[in-house]
């Protein structure tokens, strides 16, 4: 082997590049922290302890009606999994499955940067599928259409009181059963 080959491979690795085989895009999982820390000793009128909502920033991408019109709203895919943080289940949390579009990509990018965008256009919400986790953090969504999706959920980290969003990108086909564990 030429002496320069290991050096080039090491340089690529250190630069954050990696070689990948052709095929569907890999699944990504990201965790972000949003909101202010919760204070267990703080008194709130309804006795629930929740972090204040992070300020929302305006959307820069307009709702692309034509892009969404081309997407199916239903299908026969089933997505199930578990939401957990540090081994603790995310009980009673919302799981959202949204199609990957220019509009949803903006929200995902902002979420990964720790910022929340203003609420989605009601027309986009027609394509977003949601459910709640059970007491063990398990969830199942049925009737999902084929395509590329962001699957997300959030859990409060008891160590620091921060709500952490876990976001994963998946690809679905009609009739497919896919398990997606949102954990960190």
N, C-alpha and C. Protein backbone atom coordinates (compact mmCIF):
# COMPACT_ATOMS: atom_id res chain seq x y z
N UNK A 1 0.85 -1.18 0.00
CA UNK A 1 0.00 0.00 0.00
C UNK A 1 0.89 1.24 0.00
N UNK A 2 0.50 2.20 -0.78
CA UNK A 2 1.24 3.46 -0.85
C UNK A 2 1.17 4.16 0.51
N UNK A 3 2.24 4.80 0.89
CA UNK A 3 2.32 5.47 2.20
C UNK A 3 1.35 6.64 2.30
N UNK A 4 0.98 7.27 1.19
CA UNK A 4 0.12 8.44 1.25
C UNK A 4 -1.36 8.09 1.40
N UNK A 5 -1.76 6.86 1.09
CA UNK A 5 -3.17 6.48 1.17
C UNK A 5 -3.71 6.56 2.61
N UNK A 6 -3.03 5.97 3.60
CA UNK A 6 -3.55 6.11 4.98
C UNK A 6 -3.63 7.57 5.42
N UNK A 7 -2.67 8.39 4.96
CA UNK A 7 -2.68 9.80 5.33
C UNK A 7 -3.91 10.50 4.74
N UNK A 8 -4.25 10.19 3.49
CA UNK A 8 -5.43 10.79 2.85
C UNK A 8 -6.69 10.32 3.57
N UNK A 9 -6.79 9.03 3.87
CA UNK A 9 -7.96 8.52 4.58
C UNK A 9 -8.11 9.16 5.95
N UNK A 10 -7.01 9.31 6.66
CA UNK A 10 -7.05 9.96 7.97
C UNK A 10 -7.48 11.42 7.82
N UNK A 11 -6.99 12.10 6.79
CA UNK A 11 -7.39 13.50 6.56
C UNK A 11 -8.88 13.61 6.30
N UNK A 12 -9.41 12.70 5.48
CA UNK A 12 -10.85 12.72 5.22
C UNK A 12 -11.65 12.49 6.49
N UNK A 13 -11.21 11.56 7.30
CA UNK A 13 -11.90 11.27 8.56
C UNK A 13 -11.87 12.49 9.47
N UNK A 14 -10.71 13.11 9.61
CA UNK A 14 -10.59 14.27 10.50
C UNK A 14 -11.35 15.47 9.96
N UNK A 15 -11.53 15.54 8.66
CA UNK A 15 -12.29 16.65 8.07
C UNK A 15 -13.79 16.45 8.19
N UNK A 16 -14.22 15.30 8.70
CA UNK A 16 -15.64 15.05 8.88
C UNK A 16 -16.29 14.43 7.66
N UNK A 17 -15.50 14.05 6.68
CA UNK A 17 -16.04 13.42 5.49
C UNK A 17 -16.09 11.92 5.71
N UNK A 18 -17.00 11.28 5.03
CA UNK A 18 -17.04 9.84 5.09
C UNK A 18 -17.54 9.33 3.77
N UNK A 19 -17.03 8.18 3.38
CA UNK A 19 -17.47 7.57 2.13
C UNK A 19 -18.67 6.71 2.44
N UNK A 20 -19.66 6.75 1.54
CA UNK A 20 -20.88 5.99 1.76
C UNK A 20 -21.20 5.22 0.50
N UNK A 21 -21.80 4.07 0.68
CA UNK A 21 -22.24 3.28 -0.46
C UNK A 21 -23.48 3.92 -1.03
N UNK A 22 -23.70 3.74 -2.36
CA UNK A 22 -24.93 4.28 -2.95
C UNK A 22 -26.15 3.61 -2.33
N UNK A 23 -27.24 4.31 -2.30
CA UNK A 23 -28.47 3.76 -1.74
C UNK A 23 -29.29 4.86 -1.12
N UNK A 24 -30.33 4.47 -0.38
CA UNK A 24 -31.16 5.48 0.24
C UNK A 24 -30.37 6.24 1.29
N UNK A 25 -30.77 7.47 1.58
CA UNK A 25 -30.04 8.25 2.57
C UNK A 25 -30.09 7.57 3.93
N UNK A 26 -29.02 7.68 4.71
CA UNK A 26 -29.02 7.06 6.03
C UNK A 26 -30.01 7.77 6.94
N UNK A 27 -30.47 7.06 7.96
CA UNK A 27 -31.35 7.68 8.94
C UNK A 27 -30.51 8.57 9.82
N UNK A 28 -31.06 9.72 10.17
CA UNK A 28 -30.35 10.66 11.03
C UNK A 28 -31.09 10.76 12.34
N UNK A 29 -30.35 10.95 13.38
CA UNK A 29 -30.98 11.23 14.67
C UNK A 29 -30.25 12.41 15.28
N UNK A 30 -30.99 13.36 15.74
CA UNK A 30 -30.44 14.57 16.31
C UNK A 30 -31.16 14.86 17.62
N UNK A 31 -30.46 15.43 18.55
CA UNK A 31 -31.05 15.83 19.82
C UNK A 31 -30.73 17.29 20.04
N UNK A 32 -31.74 18.07 20.40
CA UNK A 32 -31.53 19.48 20.71
C UNK A 32 -32.21 19.79 22.03
N UNK A 33 -31.78 20.86 22.66
CA UNK A 33 -32.41 21.31 23.90
C UNK A 33 -33.18 22.58 23.59
N UNK A 34 -34.42 22.67 24.08
CA UNK A 34 -35.21 23.88 23.89
C UNK A 34 -35.81 24.29 25.21
N UNK A 35 -36.16 25.56 25.32
CA UNK A 35 -36.83 26.05 26.52
C UNK A 35 -35.84 26.33 27.63
N UNK A 36 -36.36 26.80 28.72
CA UNK A 36 -35.58 27.10 29.90
C UNK A 36 -35.59 25.90 30.84
N UNK A 37 -34.59 25.79 31.72
CA UNK A 37 -34.59 24.68 32.67
C UNK A 37 -35.83 24.73 33.56
N UNK A 38 -36.32 23.56 33.89
CA UNK A 38 -37.43 23.48 34.84
C UNK A 38 -36.85 23.52 36.25
N UNK A 39 -37.60 24.09 37.15
CA UNK A 39 -37.17 24.14 38.54
C UNK A 39 -38.15 23.33 39.36
N UNK A 40 -37.73 22.19 39.90
CA UNK A 40 -38.65 21.35 40.65
C UNK A 40 -39.26 22.06 41.84
N UNK A 41 -38.56 23.08 42.39
CA UNK A 41 -39.08 23.75 43.57
C UNK A 41 -40.01 24.92 43.23
N UNK A 42 -40.14 25.25 41.95
CA UNK A 42 -41.00 26.38 41.56
C UNK A 42 -42.47 26.00 41.69
N UNK A 43 -43.25 26.94 42.19
CA UNK A 43 -44.68 26.70 42.35
C UNK A 43 -45.40 27.25 41.13
N UNK A 44 -46.29 26.46 40.58
CA UNK A 44 -47.12 26.91 39.48
C UNK A 44 -48.56 26.66 39.86
N UNK A 45 -49.47 27.52 39.40
CA UNK A 45 -50.86 27.42 39.83
C UNK A 45 -51.49 26.04 39.62
N UNK A 46 -51.21 25.39 38.48
CA UNK A 46 -51.86 24.11 38.25
C UNK A 46 -50.98 22.94 38.72
N UNK A 47 -49.92 23.25 39.44
CA UNK A 47 -49.00 22.29 40.03
C UNK A 47 -48.23 21.47 39.02
N UNK A 48 -48.36 21.78 37.74
CA UNK A 48 -47.51 21.13 36.75
C UNK A 48 -46.26 21.96 36.62
N UNK A 49 -45.15 21.31 36.40
CA UNK A 49 -43.90 22.01 36.24
C UNK A 49 -43.46 21.89 34.79
N UNK A 50 -43.54 23.01 34.09
CA UNK A 50 -43.15 23.01 32.69
C UNK A 50 -42.21 24.16 32.43
N UNK A 51 -41.31 23.96 31.46
CA UNK A 51 -40.38 25.01 31.08
C UNK A 51 -41.12 26.03 30.23
N UNK A 52 -40.77 27.31 30.37
CA UNK A 52 -41.39 28.32 29.51
C UNK A 52 -41.09 28.00 28.05
N UNK A 53 -42.02 28.32 27.18
CA UNK A 53 -41.81 28.06 25.76
C UNK A 53 -40.72 28.97 25.22
N UNK A 54 -39.89 28.42 24.37
CA UNK A 54 -38.84 29.21 23.73
C UNK A 54 -39.51 30.18 22.76
N UNK A 55 -38.95 31.37 22.58
CA UNK A 55 -39.55 32.30 21.62
C UNK A 55 -39.50 31.70 20.22
N UNK A 56 -40.55 31.93 19.44
CA UNK A 56 -40.62 31.37 18.09
C UNK A 56 -40.17 32.43 17.08
N UNK A 57 -39.43 31.97 16.09
CA UNK A 57 -38.95 32.89 15.07
C UNK A 57 -39.83 32.78 13.82
N UNK A 58 -39.93 33.86 13.05
CA UNK A 58 -40.75 33.82 11.83
C UNK A 58 -40.17 32.86 10.80
N UNK A 59 -41.05 32.24 10.05
CA UNK A 59 -40.62 31.35 8.96
C UNK A 59 -40.10 32.20 7.80
N UNK A 60 -39.06 31.70 7.17
CA UNK A 60 -38.49 32.36 6.00
C UNK A 60 -39.00 31.71 4.71
N UNK A 61 -39.42 30.45 4.80
CA UNK A 61 -39.90 29.71 3.63
C UNK A 61 -41.42 29.77 3.61
N UNK A 62 -41.97 30.25 2.51
CA UNK A 62 -43.42 30.31 2.36
C UNK A 62 -43.96 28.89 2.13
N UNK A 63 -45.21 28.68 2.52
CA UNK A 63 -45.80 27.36 2.34
C UNK A 63 -45.86 27.03 0.85
N UNK A 64 -45.24 25.91 0.43
CA UNK A 64 -45.22 25.54 -0.99
C UNK A 64 -46.43 24.67 -1.34
N UNK A 65 -47.53 25.28 -1.66
CA UNK A 65 -48.79 24.56 -1.91
C UNK A 65 -48.64 23.49 -2.98
N UNK A 66 -47.90 23.78 -4.05
CA UNK A 66 -47.74 22.79 -5.13
C UNK A 66 -46.94 21.58 -4.66
N UNK A 67 -45.91 21.83 -3.86
CA UNK A 67 -45.09 20.72 -3.35
C UNK A 67 -45.94 19.79 -2.47
N UNK A 68 -46.77 20.38 -1.62
CA UNK A 68 -47.62 19.56 -0.76
C UNK A 68 -48.74 18.88 -1.53
N UNK A 69 -49.27 19.55 -2.55
CA UNK A 69 -50.36 18.97 -3.33
C UNK A 69 -49.93 17.67 -4.01
N UNK A 70 -48.64 17.53 -4.27
CA UNK A 70 -48.13 16.31 -4.93
C UNK A 70 -47.94 15.16 -3.94
N UNK A 71 -48.07 15.42 -2.65
CA UNK A 71 -47.84 14.39 -1.63
C UNK A 71 -49.14 13.66 -1.28
N UNK A 72 -49.05 12.33 -1.09
CA UNK A 72 -50.23 11.61 -0.60
C UNK A 72 -50.42 11.90 0.89
N UNK A 73 -51.67 11.90 1.34
CA UNK A 73 -51.96 12.14 2.76
C UNK A 73 -52.07 10.85 3.54
N UNK A 74 -52.40 9.74 2.87
CA UNK A 74 -52.56 8.47 3.56
C UNK A 74 -51.88 7.36 2.76
N UNK A 75 -51.73 6.24 3.40
CA UNK A 75 -51.11 5.07 2.78
C UNK A 75 -51.30 3.87 3.67
N UNK A 76 -50.42 2.89 3.52
CA UNK A 76 -50.56 1.67 4.32
C UNK A 76 -49.32 1.33 5.13
N UNK A 77 -48.42 2.30 5.31
CA UNK A 77 -47.22 2.06 6.12
C UNK A 77 -47.56 2.19 7.60
N UNK A 78 -46.80 1.46 8.41
CA UNK A 78 -46.97 1.49 9.87
C UNK A 78 -45.61 1.83 10.48
N UNK A 79 -45.60 2.81 11.35
CA UNK A 79 -44.39 3.24 12.04
C UNK A 79 -44.61 3.05 13.53
N UNK A 80 -43.71 2.34 14.17
CA UNK A 80 -43.82 2.17 15.62
C UNK A 80 -42.44 2.37 16.22
N UNK A 81 -42.40 2.51 17.51
CA UNK A 81 -41.12 2.68 18.17
C UNK A 81 -41.28 3.10 19.62
N UNK A 82 -40.20 3.65 20.14
CA UNK A 82 -40.18 4.06 21.55
C UNK A 82 -39.40 5.36 21.66
N UNK A 83 -39.89 6.27 22.49
CA UNK A 83 -39.23 7.53 22.78
C UNK A 83 -38.62 7.42 24.18
N UNK A 84 -37.31 7.66 24.28
CA UNK A 84 -36.67 7.61 25.59
C UNK A 84 -35.44 8.50 25.62
N UNK A 85 -35.08 8.91 26.82
CA UNK A 85 -33.91 9.73 27.04
C UNK A 85 -33.16 9.15 28.22
N UNK A 86 -31.91 8.81 28.00
CA UNK A 86 -31.07 8.21 29.05
C UNK A 86 -31.75 6.98 29.67
N UNK A 87 -32.44 6.20 28.84
CA UNK A 87 -33.10 4.98 29.30
C UNK A 87 -34.46 5.20 29.93
N UNK A 88 -34.85 6.44 30.15
CA UNK A 88 -36.16 6.74 30.74
C UNK A 88 -37.18 6.97 29.63
N UNK A 89 -38.33 6.31 29.72
CA UNK A 89 -39.33 6.47 28.65
C UNK A 89 -39.94 7.87 28.62
N UNK A 90 -40.25 8.31 27.42
CA UNK A 90 -40.96 9.58 27.23
C UNK A 90 -42.45 9.28 27.26
N UNK A 91 -43.00 9.16 28.45
CA UNK A 91 -44.41 8.79 28.62
C UNK A 91 -45.32 9.98 28.36
N UNK A 92 -46.39 9.75 27.58
CA UNK A 92 -47.39 10.78 27.33
C UNK A 92 -46.91 11.92 26.45
N UNK A 93 -45.87 11.71 25.69
CA UNK A 93 -45.33 12.76 24.82
C UNK A 93 -45.89 12.62 23.41
N UNK A 94 -45.86 13.71 22.66
CA UNK A 94 -46.36 13.72 21.29
C UNK A 94 -45.26 13.30 20.32
N UNK A 95 -45.61 12.42 19.39
CA UNK A 95 -44.73 12.03 18.30
C UNK A 95 -45.33 12.61 17.03
N UNK A 96 -44.53 13.29 16.22
CA UNK A 96 -44.99 13.88 14.97
C UNK A 96 -44.21 13.28 13.80
N UNK A 97 -44.94 12.97 12.73
CA UNK A 97 -44.33 12.46 11.49
C UNK A 97 -44.75 13.42 10.38
N UNK A 98 -43.77 14.17 9.86
CA UNK A 98 -44.04 15.19 8.84
C UNK A 98 -43.24 14.88 7.59
N UNK A 99 -43.83 15.09 6.41
CA UNK A 99 -43.08 14.84 5.18
C UNK A 99 -41.90 15.79 5.05
N UNK A 100 -40.82 15.31 4.46
CA UNK A 100 -39.65 16.15 4.21
C UNK A 100 -39.97 17.01 2.99
N UNK A 101 -40.07 18.32 3.23
CA UNK A 101 -40.32 19.30 2.16
C UNK A 101 -39.41 20.49 2.43
N UNK A 102 -39.39 21.46 1.53
CA UNK A 102 -38.60 22.66 1.78
C UNK A 102 -39.12 23.38 3.02
N UNK A 103 -40.44 23.31 3.22
CA UNK A 103 -41.08 23.98 4.36
C UNK A 103 -40.74 23.30 5.68
N UNK A 104 -40.85 21.96 5.72
CA UNK A 104 -40.55 21.24 6.97
C UNK A 104 -39.05 21.20 7.23
N UNK A 105 -38.24 21.25 6.16
CA UNK A 105 -36.79 21.24 6.34
C UNK A 105 -36.33 22.49 7.09
N UNK A 106 -36.99 23.62 6.81
CA UNK A 106 -36.64 24.84 7.52
C UNK A 106 -36.89 24.67 9.03
N UNK A 107 -38.05 24.12 9.38
CA UNK A 107 -38.37 23.92 10.79
C UNK A 107 -37.39 22.94 11.43
N UNK A 108 -37.03 21.87 10.70
CA UNK A 108 -36.08 20.89 11.24
C UNK A 108 -34.71 21.53 11.46
N UNK A 109 -34.25 22.32 10.49
CA UNK A 109 -32.96 22.98 10.63
C UNK A 109 -32.95 23.93 11.83
N UNK A 110 -34.03 24.68 12.00
CA UNK A 110 -34.11 25.61 13.14
C UNK A 110 -34.15 24.82 14.45
N UNK A 111 -34.88 23.70 14.45
CA UNK A 111 -34.95 22.88 15.66
C UNK A 111 -33.56 22.36 16.03
N UNK A 112 -32.80 21.93 15.03
CA UNK A 112 -31.46 21.44 15.29
C UNK A 112 -30.54 22.54 15.81
N UNK A 113 -30.88 23.79 15.49
CA UNK A 113 -30.11 24.93 15.98
C UNK A 113 -30.63 25.41 17.34
N UNK A 114 -31.66 24.73 17.87
CA UNK A 114 -32.20 25.09 19.18
C UNK A 114 -33.25 26.17 19.16
N UNK A 115 -33.80 26.44 17.97
CA UNK A 115 -34.81 27.48 17.84
C UNK A 115 -36.11 26.87 17.32
N UNK A 116 -37.23 27.45 17.70
CA UNK A 116 -38.54 27.00 17.23
C UNK A 116 -39.09 28.05 16.28
N UNK A 117 -39.67 27.60 15.18
CA UNK A 117 -40.30 28.53 14.24
C UNK A 117 -41.77 28.68 14.61
N UNK A 118 -42.39 29.70 14.04
CA UNK A 118 -43.81 29.92 14.31
C UNK A 118 -44.60 28.70 13.85
N UNK A 119 -45.81 28.52 14.36
CA UNK A 119 -46.62 27.34 14.03
C UNK A 119 -46.77 27.16 12.51
N UNK A 120 -46.89 25.91 12.11
CA UNK A 120 -47.01 25.57 10.69
C UNK A 120 -48.33 26.05 10.11
N UNK A 121 -48.31 26.29 8.84
CA UNK A 121 -49.51 26.62 8.08
C UNK A 121 -50.50 25.46 8.26
N UNK A 122 -51.78 25.73 8.46
CA UNK A 122 -52.76 24.65 8.64
C UNK A 122 -52.76 23.64 7.49
N UNK A 123 -52.42 24.08 6.30
CA UNK A 123 -52.37 23.16 5.16
C UNK A 123 -51.24 22.15 5.33
N UNK A 124 -50.13 22.53 5.95
CA UNK A 124 -49.02 21.60 6.20
C UNK A 124 -49.41 20.60 7.28
N UNK A 125 -50.17 21.06 8.26
CA UNK A 125 -50.58 20.16 9.36
C UNK A 125 -51.48 19.04 8.85
N UNK A 126 -52.14 19.24 7.70
CA UNK A 126 -52.97 18.18 7.12
C UNK A 126 -52.13 16.97 6.70
N UNK A 127 -50.83 17.18 6.50
CA UNK A 127 -49.93 16.11 6.06
C UNK A 127 -49.08 15.56 7.21
N UNK A 128 -49.24 16.14 8.40
CA UNK A 128 -48.47 15.70 9.57
C UNK A 128 -49.31 14.74 10.39
N UNK A 129 -48.73 13.61 10.71
CA UNK A 129 -49.41 12.57 11.49
C UNK A 129 -48.85 12.61 12.91
N UNK A 130 -49.74 12.57 13.90
CA UNK A 130 -49.28 12.62 15.29
C UNK A 130 -49.95 11.53 16.12
N UNK A 131 -49.27 11.21 17.20
CA UNK A 131 -49.81 10.29 18.20
C UNK A 131 -49.13 10.62 19.52
N UNK A 132 -49.59 9.96 20.58
CA UNK A 132 -48.95 10.14 21.89
C UNK A 132 -48.36 8.81 22.32
N UNK A 133 -47.30 8.90 23.08
CA UNK A 133 -46.67 7.70 23.60
C UNK A 133 -47.45 7.16 24.79
N UNK A 134 -47.32 5.86 25.03
CA UNK A 134 -47.95 5.28 26.21
C UNK A 134 -47.03 5.47 27.42
N UNK A 135 -47.36 4.86 28.53
CA UNK A 135 -46.59 5.01 29.76
C UNK A 135 -45.16 4.51 29.67
N UNK A 136 -44.87 3.67 28.68
CA UNK A 136 -43.51 3.16 28.49
C UNK A 136 -42.78 3.86 27.34
N UNK A 137 -43.40 4.91 26.79
CA UNK A 137 -42.79 5.65 25.70
C UNK A 137 -43.02 5.03 24.33
N UNK A 138 -43.84 3.99 24.24
CA UNK A 138 -44.11 3.32 22.97
C UNK A 138 -45.15 4.07 22.17
N UNK A 139 -45.02 3.99 20.84
CA UNK A 139 -45.99 4.63 19.95
C UNK A 139 -46.16 3.81 18.69
N UNK A 140 -47.31 3.99 18.03
CA UNK A 140 -47.60 3.37 16.74
C UNK A 140 -48.44 4.33 15.91
N UNK A 141 -48.08 4.50 14.67
CA UNK A 141 -48.85 5.29 13.71
C UNK A 141 -49.16 4.39 12.52
N UNK A 142 -50.42 4.32 12.14
CA UNK A 142 -50.86 3.49 11.01
C UNK A 142 -51.39 4.38 9.88
N UNK A 143 -51.43 3.81 8.68
CA UNK A 143 -51.99 4.53 7.54
C UNK A 143 -51.10 5.63 7.00
N UNK A 144 -49.79 5.49 7.20
CA UNK A 144 -48.87 6.53 6.71
C UNK A 144 -48.61 6.35 5.22
N UNK A 145 -48.45 7.46 4.51
CA UNK A 145 -48.17 7.38 3.07
C UNK A 145 -46.69 7.07 2.82
N UNK A 146 -46.35 6.68 1.61
CA UNK A 146 -44.94 6.48 1.28
C UNK A 146 -44.23 7.82 1.15
N UNK A 147 -42.92 7.83 1.38
CA UNK A 147 -42.13 9.04 1.21
C UNK A 147 -41.07 9.19 2.27
N UNK A 148 -40.43 10.36 2.27
CA UNK A 148 -39.41 10.72 3.25
C UNK A 148 -40.07 11.54 4.35
N UNK A 149 -39.74 11.23 5.60
CA UNK A 149 -40.39 11.88 6.74
C UNK A 149 -39.41 12.24 7.84
N UNK A 150 -39.75 13.30 8.58
CA UNK A 150 -39.09 13.61 9.84
C UNK A 150 -39.98 13.01 10.93
N UNK A 151 -39.38 12.22 11.82
CA UNK A 151 -40.09 11.68 12.98
C UNK A 151 -39.48 12.37 14.18
N UNK A 152 -40.32 12.99 15.01
CA UNK A 152 -39.78 13.73 16.15
C UNK A 152 -40.61 13.55 17.40
N UNK A 153 -39.93 13.72 18.51
CA UNK A 153 -40.56 13.70 19.83
C UNK A 153 -39.65 14.48 20.77
N UNK A 154 -40.15 14.84 21.91
CA UNK A 154 -39.31 15.55 22.88
C UNK A 154 -39.57 15.02 24.28
N UNK A 155 -38.53 15.13 25.10
CA UNK A 155 -38.57 14.62 26.47
C UNK A 155 -37.83 15.62 27.36
N UNK A 156 -38.33 15.83 28.56
CA UNK A 156 -37.62 16.68 29.52
C UNK A 156 -36.52 15.85 30.16
N UNK A 157 -35.30 16.37 30.11
CA UNK A 157 -34.16 15.71 30.73
C UNK A 157 -34.19 16.03 32.23
N UNK A 158 -34.41 15.03 33.09
CA UNK A 158 -34.49 15.32 34.53
C UNK A 158 -33.18 15.83 35.12
N UNK A 159 -32.07 15.57 34.45
CA UNK A 159 -30.78 16.02 34.97
C UNK A 159 -30.62 17.53 34.91
N UNK A 160 -31.19 18.17 33.85
CA UNK A 160 -31.00 19.61 33.72
C UNK A 160 -32.31 20.38 33.51
N UNK A 161 -33.44 19.67 33.40
CA UNK A 161 -34.72 20.33 33.22
C UNK A 161 -34.98 20.84 31.82
N UNK A 162 -34.06 20.58 30.89
CA UNK A 162 -34.23 21.04 29.52
C UNK A 162 -35.06 20.04 28.72
N UNK A 163 -35.96 20.56 27.90
CA UNK A 163 -36.71 19.71 26.98
C UNK A 163 -35.80 19.43 25.80
N UNK A 164 -35.61 18.17 25.47
CA UNK A 164 -34.75 17.78 24.37
C UNK A 164 -35.58 17.16 23.25
N UNK A 165 -35.40 17.69 22.05
CA UNK A 165 -36.08 17.19 20.88
C UNK A 165 -35.20 16.16 20.21
N UNK A 166 -35.80 15.02 19.87
CA UNK A 166 -35.08 13.98 19.14
C UNK A 166 -35.74 13.89 17.78
N UNK A 167 -34.96 14.06 16.73
CA UNK A 167 -35.46 14.13 15.37
C UNK A 167 -34.75 13.09 14.53
N UNK A 168 -35.51 12.35 13.76
CA UNK A 168 -34.94 11.32 12.90
C UNK A 168 -35.59 11.38 11.54
N UNK A 169 -34.83 11.17 10.49
CA UNK A 169 -35.37 11.15 9.14
C UNK A 169 -35.46 9.71 8.66
N UNK A 170 -36.63 9.33 8.13
CA UNK A 170 -36.84 7.96 7.66
C UNK A 170 -37.50 7.96 6.29
N UNK A 171 -37.42 6.82 5.63
CA UNK A 171 -38.06 6.63 4.33
C UNK A 171 -39.08 5.50 4.49
N UNK A 172 -40.30 5.72 4.00
CA UNK A 172 -41.37 4.72 4.11
C UNK A 172 -41.90 4.31 2.74
N UNK A 173 -42.28 3.04 2.63
CA UNK A 173 -42.96 2.52 1.45
C UNK A 173 -44.34 2.04 1.88
N UNK A 174 -45.30 2.04 0.94
CA UNK A 174 -46.62 1.50 1.25
C UNK A 174 -46.48 0.05 1.70
N UNK A 175 -47.24 -0.32 2.74
CA UNK A 175 -47.22 -1.68 3.25
C UNK A 175 -46.05 -1.97 4.18
N UNK A 176 -45.13 -1.05 4.32
CA UNK A 176 -43.95 -1.27 5.16
C UNK A 176 -44.28 -1.10 6.63
N UNK A 177 -43.65 -1.92 7.46
CA UNK A 177 -43.69 -1.77 8.91
C UNK A 177 -42.28 -1.39 9.33
N UNK A 178 -42.12 -0.23 9.95
CA UNK A 178 -40.80 0.25 10.33
C UNK A 178 -40.78 0.58 11.82
N UNK A 179 -39.73 0.17 12.49
CA UNK A 179 -39.56 0.52 13.90
C UNK A 179 -38.50 1.61 13.99
N UNK A 180 -38.86 2.68 14.67
CA UNK A 180 -37.98 3.83 14.83
C UNK A 180 -37.90 4.15 16.31
N UNK A 181 -36.74 3.93 16.89
CA UNK A 181 -36.58 4.25 18.30
C UNK A 181 -35.94 5.62 18.41
N UNK A 182 -36.67 6.54 19.01
CA UNK A 182 -36.18 7.88 19.25
C UNK A 182 -35.58 7.87 20.65
N UNK A 183 -34.29 7.69 20.70
CA UNK A 183 -33.64 7.63 22.00
C UNK A 183 -32.29 8.32 21.96
N UNK A 184 -31.86 8.63 23.11
CA UNK A 184 -30.55 9.26 23.28
C UNK A 184 -30.02 8.80 24.60
